[in-house]
Amino acid sequence: MLYFSKLKIIIILIFTLFFSFFTLSNFLKIDNIFFSKNINLGLDLQGGSYLLLEVDSKPLINQRLQQKVIELRSYLKNNKIKYQELSLKDEKIKFIINNDDIEKFSEYFLNKDNNINFYYNNYRSYEMEHSIDNNIVHIQYSKFGIIEINNSAVNQSLEIVRRRIDEVGTKEPTIIRRGNNRILIELPGLDDPERIKKLLGKTANLTFRIVSGEDNAFGSEVMSFENSEEKLNISKRVVVSGDNLVNAKPSLDNQSNEATVSFTFDRVGAKKFGRATTDNVGRRMAIILDGKIISAPQIREPILGGNGQITGNFTFQSATDLALLLRSGALPAPLEIIEERTVGPDLGEDSIKAGSFSLLIGFILVILYMLYKYRVLGFIADLALITNLILLFGILTILEATLTLPGIAGIILTV
């Protein structure tokens, strides 16, 4: 005859009652913070939105190459290497060099310690590759250089996307990398993904530039406003960028009662902004987001505190979203939505009913069969099965795990 000590029986009962309470908390409303945990329902049960994003790293490659051009020009000048027609086209740097300097340049370019063409020890290859044909030097990113740029862009984009979605307040989102250049997002309970799509569709590249007083002036470009057809001639020189922002939040202007975005710069940004506003009192400063002018207020007095406001006929919702974009940082590369699905809550509810019904039928059949076949021992086995399910649901509740349709199938299989 089997014998269990009283201590073991008491411990088992305490554990069973403890996890039973957590299991019941999924069906009862409990105000206690500790016991108010619930099992979260996945996208296929709760309904929600599914987005598959692709990171376009081509603009980032051109941006990096432009920086390489600046570094290369500096190296050639400092080392008195004569060159002609240094240009960037079709993701390639091209220039003409003298015969006497070819060997010197090649030796430097393939030096593992040079500061232009990095050497990757893990690939045993260089970031860039070059060829020289009739004194014409061609430089482009190697296969491994492009892989590193893609990995960097995807990882950074993944972190920024997570920050943006977390600030919106979406519960239990799934944000993971999929393949080489894609990001998968699942947002349970979100029926209308338009706001999320707008937030993810903006690179949020913020710059502050001075409005040029002359049309077609050298070093300036014509840019249009985001919400109107008005255009201004804007200096290409960036006074300060969004990289120097410490904080941004929506606010209401006390005088006009309009929604605005208040921002704060770091020490370096405050210094640059203060110098620019001091030197350009009376002129207009354009606030540019993703190539569009948000607003271009006039500088009435020097702004030395590192704080300011962005105005632009915002609603409070749009001001909140803009502040969120600026706080989360600029995406390193544009994101393109290549697949989008919305699962309605009705479909998820049908899945829950079907899964619950299957679990109940299977559970009853197993219990009846065990009682019919094994009598008393079957009754003990049925109690163990019930305890097993209580413990399983209790642990899932404590962990606040996400239950999906395959999860329900797993529980049915366990029974």
Protein backbone atom coordinates (compact mmCIF):
# COMPACT_ATOMS: atom_id res chain seq x y z
CA MET A 1 0.00 0.00 0.00
CA LEU A 2 1.33 3.45 -0.91
CA TYR A 3 2.18 5.74 1.96
CA PHE A 4 2.75 9.49 1.85
CA SER A 5 3.92 11.50 4.83
CA LYS A 6 1.60 14.18 6.19
CA LEU A 7 4.21 16.86 5.44
CA LYS A 8 4.31 15.87 1.76
CA ILE A 9 0.50 15.86 1.55
CA ILE A 10 0.30 19.30 3.19
CA ILE A 11 2.94 20.74 0.82
CA ILE A 12 1.09 19.36 -2.21
CA LEU A 13 -2.21 20.82 -0.99
CA ILE A 14 -0.64 24.24 -0.34
CA PHE A 15 0.94 24.32 -3.81
CA THR A 16 -2.32 23.19 -5.44
CA LEU A 17 -4.39 25.83 -3.60
CA PHE A 18 -1.79 28.52 -4.37
CA PHE A 19 -1.80 27.84 -8.09
CA SER A 20 -5.59 27.34 -8.06
CA PHE A 21 -5.99 30.92 -6.89
CA PHE A 22 -3.89 32.20 -9.81
CA THR A 23 -5.84 29.99 -12.23
CA LEU A 24 -9.16 31.43 -10.96
CA SER A 25 -7.81 34.98 -11.33
CA ASN A 26 -8.23 34.56 -15.11
CA PHE A 27 -11.99 34.28 -14.61
CA LEU A 28 -12.49 36.59 -11.60
CA LYS A 29 -11.72 40.31 -11.22
CA ILE A 30 -9.29 40.71 -8.31
CA ASP A 31 -8.15 44.16 -7.21
CA ASN A 32 -5.05 42.89 -5.41
CA ILE A 33 -1.96 43.84 -7.47
CA PHE A 34 -0.15 40.57 -6.78
CA PHE A 35 -3.10 38.33 -7.67
CA SER A 36 -4.38 40.35 -10.63
CA LYS A 37 -2.16 38.55 -13.13
CA ASN A 38 -3.72 36.98 -16.23
CA ILE A 39 -2.72 34.83 -19.15
CA ASN A 40 -2.29 37.08 -22.19
CA LEU A 41 -3.97 36.07 -25.42
CA GLY A 42 -1.91 35.99 -28.59
CA LEU A 43 -2.70 37.62 -31.91
CA ASP A 44 -4.62 34.59 -33.22
CA LEU A 45 -6.90 34.51 -30.14
CA GLN A 46 -7.31 38.14 -29.15
CA GLY A 47 -7.21 39.64 -32.63
CA GLY A 48 -4.87 42.44 -33.62
CA SER A 49 -2.42 43.55 -36.27
CA TYR A 50 0.50 41.84 -37.98
CA LEU A 51 3.12 43.95 -39.76
CA LEU A 52 6.21 42.83 -41.63
CA LEU A 53 8.70 45.66 -42.21
CA GLU A 54 11.72 45.73 -44.51
CA VAL A 55 14.73 47.93 -43.79
CA ASP A 56 15.97 49.79 -46.86
CA SER A 57 19.71 50.23 -46.24
CA LYS A 58 20.53 51.83 -49.63
CA PRO A 59 20.20 55.43 -48.35
CA LEU A 60 22.44 54.46 -45.44
CA ILE A 61 25.08 53.09 -47.84
CA ASN A 62 25.09 56.39 -49.78
CA GLN A 63 25.26 58.34 -46.54
CA ARG A 64 28.25 56.30 -45.34
CA LEU A 65 29.95 56.70 -48.73
CA GLN A 66 29.51 60.48 -48.55
CA GLN A 67 31.31 60.42 -45.22
CA LYS A 68 34.04 58.26 -46.78
CA VAL A 69 34.46 60.86 -49.53
CA ILE A 70 35.13 63.54 -46.89
CA GLU A 71 37.64 61.32 -45.08
CA LEU A 72 39.30 60.30 -48.36
CA ARG A 73 39.63 63.90 -49.53
CA SER A 74 41.23 64.79 -46.19
CA TYR A 75 43.71 61.90 -46.45
CA LEU A 76 44.72 62.73 -50.03
CA LYS A 77 45.21 66.39 -49.16
CA ASN A 78 47.22 65.72 -45.98
CA ASN A 79 49.51 63.24 -47.75
CA LYS A 80 49.98 65.52 -50.79
CA ILE A 81 48.53 62.95 -53.20
CA LYS A 82 47.30 64.67 -56.34
CA TYR A 83 43.84 63.62 -57.51
CA GLN A 84 41.16 64.77 -59.93
CA GLU A 85 37.40 64.38 -60.37
CA LEU A 86 36.65 62.87 -56.97
CA SER A 87 32.96 61.93 -57.15
CA LEU A 88 30.32 59.56 -55.81
CA LYS A 89 27.93 57.84 -58.21
CA ASP A 90 25.99 54.55 -58.23
CA GLU A 91 27.32 53.60 -54.77
CA LYS A 92 30.92 53.94 -56.00
CA ILE A 93 33.64 56.47 -55.26
CA LYS A 94 35.69 57.39 -58.30
CA PHE A 95 38.74 59.61 -58.80
CA ILE A 96 41.88 59.93 -60.94
CA ILE A 97 45.32 59.56 -59.36
CA ASN A 98 48.89 59.99 -60.62
CA ASN A 99 51.06 56.96 -61.43
CA ASP A 100 53.58 57.91 -58.74
CA ASP A 101 50.95 57.77 -55.99
CA ILE A 102 49.17 54.53 -56.92
CA GLU A 103 51.41 52.26 -54.86
CA LYS A 104 51.34 54.63 -51.88
CA PHE A 105 47.55 54.79 -51.92
CA SER A 106 47.10 51.01 -52.33
CA GLU A 107 49.50 50.34 -49.47
CA TYR A 108 47.54 52.66 -47.18
CA PHE A 109 44.11 51.41 -48.30
CA LEU A 110 45.02 47.78 -47.54
CA ASN A 111 46.71 48.60 -44.24
CA LYS A 112 44.76 46.98 -41.41
CA ASP A 113 45.25 50.07 -39.25
CA ASN A 114 43.95 52.67 -41.73
CA ASN A 115 40.96 54.77 -40.63
CA ILE A 116 39.01 54.66 -43.92
CA ASN A 117 38.87 50.98 -44.93
CA PHE A 118 38.25 48.96 -41.77
CA TYR A 119 39.42 45.36 -41.51
CA TYR A 120 36.96 42.77 -40.11
CA ASN A 121 38.82 40.06 -38.25
CA ASN A 122 35.73 37.81 -38.14
CA TYR A 123 35.43 37.88 -41.94
CA ARG A 124 39.15 38.29 -42.62
CA SER A 125 38.17 40.88 -45.16
CA TYR A 126 38.00 44.66 -45.59
CA GLU A 127 34.98 46.92 -45.37
CA MET A 128 35.63 48.26 -48.87
CA GLU A 129 37.29 46.99 -52.02
CA HIS A 130 39.03 48.98 -54.72
CA SER A 131 40.31 48.60 -58.26
CA ILE A 132 42.61 50.80 -60.35
CA ASP A 133 42.23 50.93 -64.12
CA ASN A 134 44.21 53.47 -66.19
CA ASN A 135 44.86 55.62 -63.10
CA ILE A 136 41.13 55.67 -62.29
CA VAL A 137 40.41 54.44 -58.78
CA HIS A 138 37.05 52.78 -58.07
CA ILE A 139 36.02 52.18 -54.46
CA GLN A 140 32.88 50.43 -53.27
CA TYR A 141 31.63 48.48 -50.27
CA SER A 142 32.59 44.81 -50.18
CA LYS A 143 30.06 42.05 -49.59
CA PHE A 144 31.01 41.95 -45.93
CA GLY A 145 30.86 45.73 -45.62
CA ILE A 146 27.26 45.69 -46.88
CA ILE A 147 26.43 42.84 -44.46
CA GLU A 148 27.76 44.91 -41.55
CA ILE A 149 25.75 47.97 -42.63
CA ASN A 150 22.58 45.88 -42.98
CA ASN A 151 23.07 44.23 -39.58
CA SER A 152 23.73 47.56 -37.92
CA ALA A 153 20.68 49.18 -39.57
CA VAL A 154 18.32 46.31 -38.69
CA ASN A 155 19.49 46.04 -35.07
CA GLN A 156 19.23 49.79 -34.53
CA SER A 157 15.85 49.93 -36.27
CA LEU A 158 14.62 47.05 -34.11
CA GLU A 159 15.50 48.95 -30.93
CA ILE A 160 13.89 52.19 -32.12
CA VAL A 161 10.73 50.40 -33.32
CA ARG A 162 10.47 48.72 -29.91
CA ARG A 163 10.84 52.09 -28.18
CA ARG A 164 8.14 53.71 -30.32
CA ILE A 165 5.63 50.89 -29.86
CA ASP A 166 6.28 50.60 -26.12
CA GLU A 167 5.56 54.32 -25.67
CA VAL A 168 2.22 53.94 -27.43
CA GLY A 169 1.22 51.51 -24.67
CA THR A 170 0.45 48.40 -26.74
CA LYS A 171 0.26 45.39 -24.42
CA GLU A 172 2.49 42.37 -25.02
CA PRO A 173 3.74 43.28 -28.53
CA THR A 174 5.97 40.83 -30.39
CA ILE A 175 8.87 42.57 -32.12
CA ILE A 176 11.52 40.27 -33.58
CA ARG A 177 14.02 40.20 -36.41
CA ARG A 178 13.02 38.07 -39.38
CA GLY A 179 15.70 37.17 -41.90
CA ASN A 180 18.47 39.52 -42.98
CA ASN A 181 16.60 42.81 -43.30
CA ARG A 182 13.07 42.38 -41.97
CA ILE A 183 11.27 43.09 -38.69
CA LEU A 184 8.13 41.23 -37.63
CA ILE A 185 5.61 43.04 -35.41
CA GLU A 186 2.53 41.47 -33.82
CA LEU A 187 0.21 43.77 -31.86
CA PRO A 188 -2.54 41.81 -30.05
CA GLY A 189 -5.75 43.71 -29.39
CA LEU A 190 -4.95 46.48 -31.89
CA ASP A 191 -7.74 46.68 -34.46
CA ASP A 192 -6.68 49.92 -36.19
CA PRO A 193 -2.94 49.91 -37.00
CA GLU A 194 -2.98 53.27 -38.83
CA ARG A 195 -1.38 55.23 -35.97
CA ILE A 196 1.37 52.62 -35.56
CA LYS A 197 1.98 52.63 -39.33
CA LYS A 198 2.35 56.41 -39.31
CA LEU A 199 4.80 56.25 -36.41
CA LEU A 200 6.87 53.52 -38.06
CA GLY A 201 6.71 55.14 -41.50
CA LYS A 202 8.56 58.25 -40.35
CA THR A 203 12.34 58.20 -40.14
CA ALA A 204 12.13 61.12 -37.66
CA ASN A 205 15.28 62.80 -38.92
CA LEU A 206 15.03 66.25 -37.27
CA THR A 207 17.24 69.21 -38.18
CA PHE A 208 17.26 72.94 -37.41
CA ARG A 209 18.47 75.20 -40.25
CA ILE A 210 18.49 78.91 -40.98
CA VAL A 211 16.17 80.22 -43.72
CA SER A 212 18.28 81.79 -46.46
CA GLY A 213 17.36 85.36 -47.39
CA GLU A 214 18.43 85.00 -51.03
CA ASP A 215 16.78 82.89 -53.70
CA ASN A 216 19.04 80.23 -55.27
CA ALA A 217 21.88 81.18 -52.92
CA PHE A 218 24.93 78.93 -52.90
CA GLY A 219 24.72 76.24 -50.23
CA SER A 220 20.93 76.33 -49.97
CA GLU A 221 17.98 74.31 -51.24
CA VAL A 222 14.26 74.87 -51.73
CA MET A 223 12.05 72.90 -49.35
CA SER A 224 8.27 72.81 -48.87
CA PHE A 225 6.12 72.78 -45.76
CA GLU A 226 4.58 69.54 -44.58
CA ASN A 227 0.98 70.76 -44.59
CA SER A 228 1.01 73.47 -47.26
CA GLU A 229 2.42 74.30 -50.69
CA GLU A 230 4.54 77.18 -49.37
CA LYS A 231 8.26 76.83 -50.08
CA LEU A 232 11.35 78.38 -48.53
CA ASN A 233 15.00 78.59 -49.45
CA ILE A 234 16.81 76.75 -46.65
CA SER A 235 20.53 76.73 -45.89
CA LYS A 236 22.09 73.26 -46.20
CA ARG A 237 24.14 73.86 -43.08
CA VAL A 238 22.59 72.05 -40.12
CA VAL A 239 22.60 74.20 -36.99
CA VAL A 240 21.70 71.32 -34.67
CA SER A 241 20.15 67.88 -35.26
CA GLY A 242 17.79 65.57 -33.40
CA ASP A 243 20.81 63.61 -32.12
CA ASN A 244 21.27 66.38 -29.54
CA LEU A 245 17.72 66.10 -28.18
CA VAL A 246 17.42 64.90 -24.60
CA ASN A 247 13.64 65.06 -24.23
CA ALA A 248 10.51 66.04 -26.13
CA LYS A 249 6.94 66.21 -24.85
CA PRO A 250 3.57 67.63 -25.97
CA SER A 251 2.32 70.82 -24.32
CA LEU A 252 -0.28 73.56 -24.72
CA ASP A 253 0.68 77.16 -25.44
CA ASN A 254 -0.72 79.36 -22.67
CA GLN A 255 -1.45 82.29 -24.98
CA SER A 256 -2.85 80.67 -28.12
CA ASN A 257 -4.01 77.41 -26.47
CA GLU A 258 -2.46 75.51 -29.40
CA ALA A 259 -0.75 72.14 -29.09
CA THR A 260 3.03 72.38 -29.31
CA VAL A 261 6.06 70.12 -28.77
CA SER A 262 8.53 71.25 -26.11
CA PHE A 263 12.09 69.99 -26.50
CA THR A 264 15.32 70.06 -24.52
CA PHE A 265 18.85 69.81 -25.94
CA ASP A 266 21.90 68.26 -24.32
CA ARG A 267 24.87 70.45 -23.37
CA VAL A 268 26.46 70.35 -26.84
CA GLY A 269 23.14 70.97 -28.60
CA ALA A 270 22.23 73.84 -26.24
CA LYS A 271 25.58 75.49 -26.96
CA LYS A 272 25.14 75.19 -30.75
CA PHE A 273 21.51 76.35 -30.62
CA GLY A 274 22.38 79.31 -28.38
CA ARG A 275 25.19 80.42 -30.71
CA ALA A 276 22.96 80.10 -33.80
CA THR A 277 20.06 82.05 -32.30
CA THR A 278 22.44 84.75 -31.03
CA ASP A 279 24.04 85.24 -34.44
CA ASN A 280 20.75 85.18 -36.37
CA VAL A 281 18.33 87.34 -34.36
CA GLY A 282 15.62 88.62 -36.71
CA ARG A 283 16.01 85.75 -39.19
CA ARG A 284 13.82 82.67 -39.45
CA MET A 285 14.89 79.20 -38.37
CA ALA A 286 13.34 76.22 -40.15
CA ILE A 287 12.49 73.07 -38.17
CA ILE A 288 12.69 70.20 -40.66
CA LEU A 289 11.44 66.64 -40.17
CA ASP A 290 12.17 64.03 -42.84
CA GLY A 291 12.79 66.62 -45.54
CA LYS A 292 9.64 68.67 -44.83
CA ILE A 293 9.41 71.99 -42.98
CA ILE A 294 7.23 71.71 -39.87
CA SER A 295 7.52 75.38 -38.96
CA ALA A 296 9.86 78.32 -39.53
CA PRO A 297 9.50 80.79 -36.65
CA GLN A 298 11.40 84.06 -36.44
CA ILE A 299 14.23 84.30 -33.93
CA ARG A 300 13.22 87.24 -31.74
CA GLU A 301 15.95 86.82 -29.11
CA PRO A 302 18.84 84.45 -28.29
CA ILE A 303 17.69 81.12 -26.82
CA LEU A 304 20.44 80.13 -24.42
CA GLY A 305 18.73 77.67 -22.07
CA GLY A 306 18.67 74.71 -24.45
CA ASN A 307 14.84 74.61 -24.40
CA GLY A 308 12.40 75.46 -27.16
CA GLN A 309 9.03 74.75 -28.76
CA ILE A 310 7.92 73.39 -32.12
CA THR A 311 4.65 74.82 -33.44
CA GLY A 312 2.80 73.83 -36.58
CA ASN A 313 -1.00 73.68 -36.24
CA PHE A 314 -0.82 70.38 -34.35
CA THR A 315 -3.66 68.54 -32.73
CA PHE A 316 -2.74 67.22 -29.29
CA GLN A 317 -2.59 63.69 -30.75
CA SER A 318 -0.21 64.70 -33.54
CA ALA A 319 1.93 66.68 -31.07
CA THR A 320 2.06 63.60 -28.82
CA ASP A 321 3.12 61.39 -31.75
CA LEU A 322 5.79 63.87 -32.87
CA ALA A 323 7.20 64.07 -29.34
CA LEU A 324 7.25 60.26 -29.23
CA LEU A 325 9.14 60.10 -32.54
CA LEU A 326 11.73 62.61 -31.37
CA ARG A 327 12.23 60.90 -28.00
CA SER A 328 12.70 57.47 -29.55
CA GLY A 329 15.33 58.75 -31.99
CA ALA A 330 15.69 58.71 -35.76
CA LEU A 331 15.64 55.48 -37.71
CA PRO A 332 18.98 54.79 -39.43
CA ALA A 333 17.17 53.76 -42.62
CA PRO A 334 13.61 53.93 -44.01
CA LEU A 335 11.16 51.13 -43.18
CA GLU A 336 8.74 49.77 -45.76
CA ILE A 337 5.63 47.78 -44.82
CA ILE A 338 5.68 44.77 -47.17
CA GLU A 339 2.96 42.71 -45.48
CA GLU A 340 0.03 43.66 -43.28
CA ARG A 341 -2.72 41.57 -41.76
CA THR A 342 -5.48 42.37 -39.28
CA VAL A 343 -7.09 39.55 -37.30
CA GLY A 344 -10.55 40.46 -36.00
CA PRO A 345 -11.53 39.68 -32.40
CA ASP A 346 -14.48 37.56 -33.63
CA LEU A 347 -12.10 35.09 -35.30
CA GLY A 348 -10.01 34.93 -32.12
CA GLU A 349 -13.14 34.37 -30.00
CA ASP A 350 -14.20 31.50 -32.29
CA SER A 351 -10.74 29.95 -31.86
CA ILE A 352 -11.00 30.21 -28.06
CA LYS A 353 -14.48 28.61 -28.06
CA ALA A 354 -13.41 25.80 -30.37
CA GLY A 355 -10.23 25.16 -28.38
CA SER A 356 -12.06 25.25 -25.04
CA PHE A 357 -14.77 22.92 -26.36
CA SER A 358 -12.15 20.46 -27.66
CA LEU A 359 -10.31 20.59 -24.32
CA LEU A 360 -13.54 19.99 -22.38
CA ILE A 361 -14.64 17.03 -24.56
CA GLY A 362 -11.18 15.45 -24.41
CA PHE A 363 -10.98 16.03 -20.66
CA ILE A 364 -14.38 14.42 -19.97
CA LEU A 365 -13.65 11.43 -22.23
CA VAL A 366 -10.28 10.80 -20.57
CA ILE A 367 -11.82 11.01 -17.06
CA LEU A 368 -14.71 8.65 -17.93
CA TYR A 369 -12.40 6.17 -19.61
CA MET A 370 -10.00 6.15 -16.65
CA LEU A 371 -12.89 5.63 -14.18
CA TYR A 372 -14.38 2.82 -16.31
CA LYS A 373 -11.06 1.05 -16.92
CA TYR A 374 -9.20 1.46 -13.61
CA ARG A 375 -11.89 2.30 -11.04
CA VAL A 376 -10.21 3.70 -7.88
CA LEU A 377 -6.78 4.04 -9.48
CA GLY A 378 -8.42 5.79 -12.42
CA PHE A 379 -10.05 8.24 -9.99
CA ILE A 380 -6.60 8.99 -8.48
CA ALA A 381 -5.15 9.46 -11.99
CA ASP A 382 -8.02 11.85 -12.84
CA LEU A 383 -7.26 13.90 -9.72
CA ALA A 384 -3.61 14.05 -10.81
CA LEU A 385 -4.68 15.21 -14.28
CA ILE A 386 -6.88 17.96 -12.83
CA THR A 387 -4.04 19.04 -10.53
CA ASN A 388 -1.67 19.04 -13.50
CA LEU A 389 -3.95 21.40 -15.46
CA ILE A 390 -4.40 23.68 -12.42
CA LEU A 391 -0.62 23.88 -11.94
CA LEU A 392 -0.08 24.46 -15.67
CA PHE A 393 -2.57 27.34 -15.87
CA GLY A 394 -1.31 28.76 -12.57
CA ILE A 395 2.30 28.87 -13.76
CA LEU A 396 1.25 30.43 -17.10
CA THR A 397 -0.70 33.06 -15.13
CA ILE A 398 2.20 33.89 -12.81
CA LEU A 399 4.53 34.30 -15.80
CA GLU A 400 1.81 36.29 -17.64
CA ALA A 401 2.61 34.11 -20.63
CA THR A 402 1.02 34.67 -24.03
CA LEU A 403 -1.36 31.87 -25.03
CA THR A 404 -1.79 31.16 -28.73
CA LEU A 405 -3.80 28.61 -30.71
CA PRO A 406 -0.82 26.17 -30.87
CA GLY A 407 -0.59 26.62 -27.08
CA ILE A 408 -4.20 25.46 -26.67
CA ALA A 409 -3.42 22.50 -28.92
CA GLY A 410 -0.43 21.69 -26.66
CA ILE A 411 -2.65 21.74 -23.56
CA ILE A 412 -5.20 19.44 -25.29
CA LEU A 413 -2.31 17.12 -26.23
CA THR A 414 -1.17 17.12 -22.59
CA VAL A 415 -4.64 15.93 -21.52
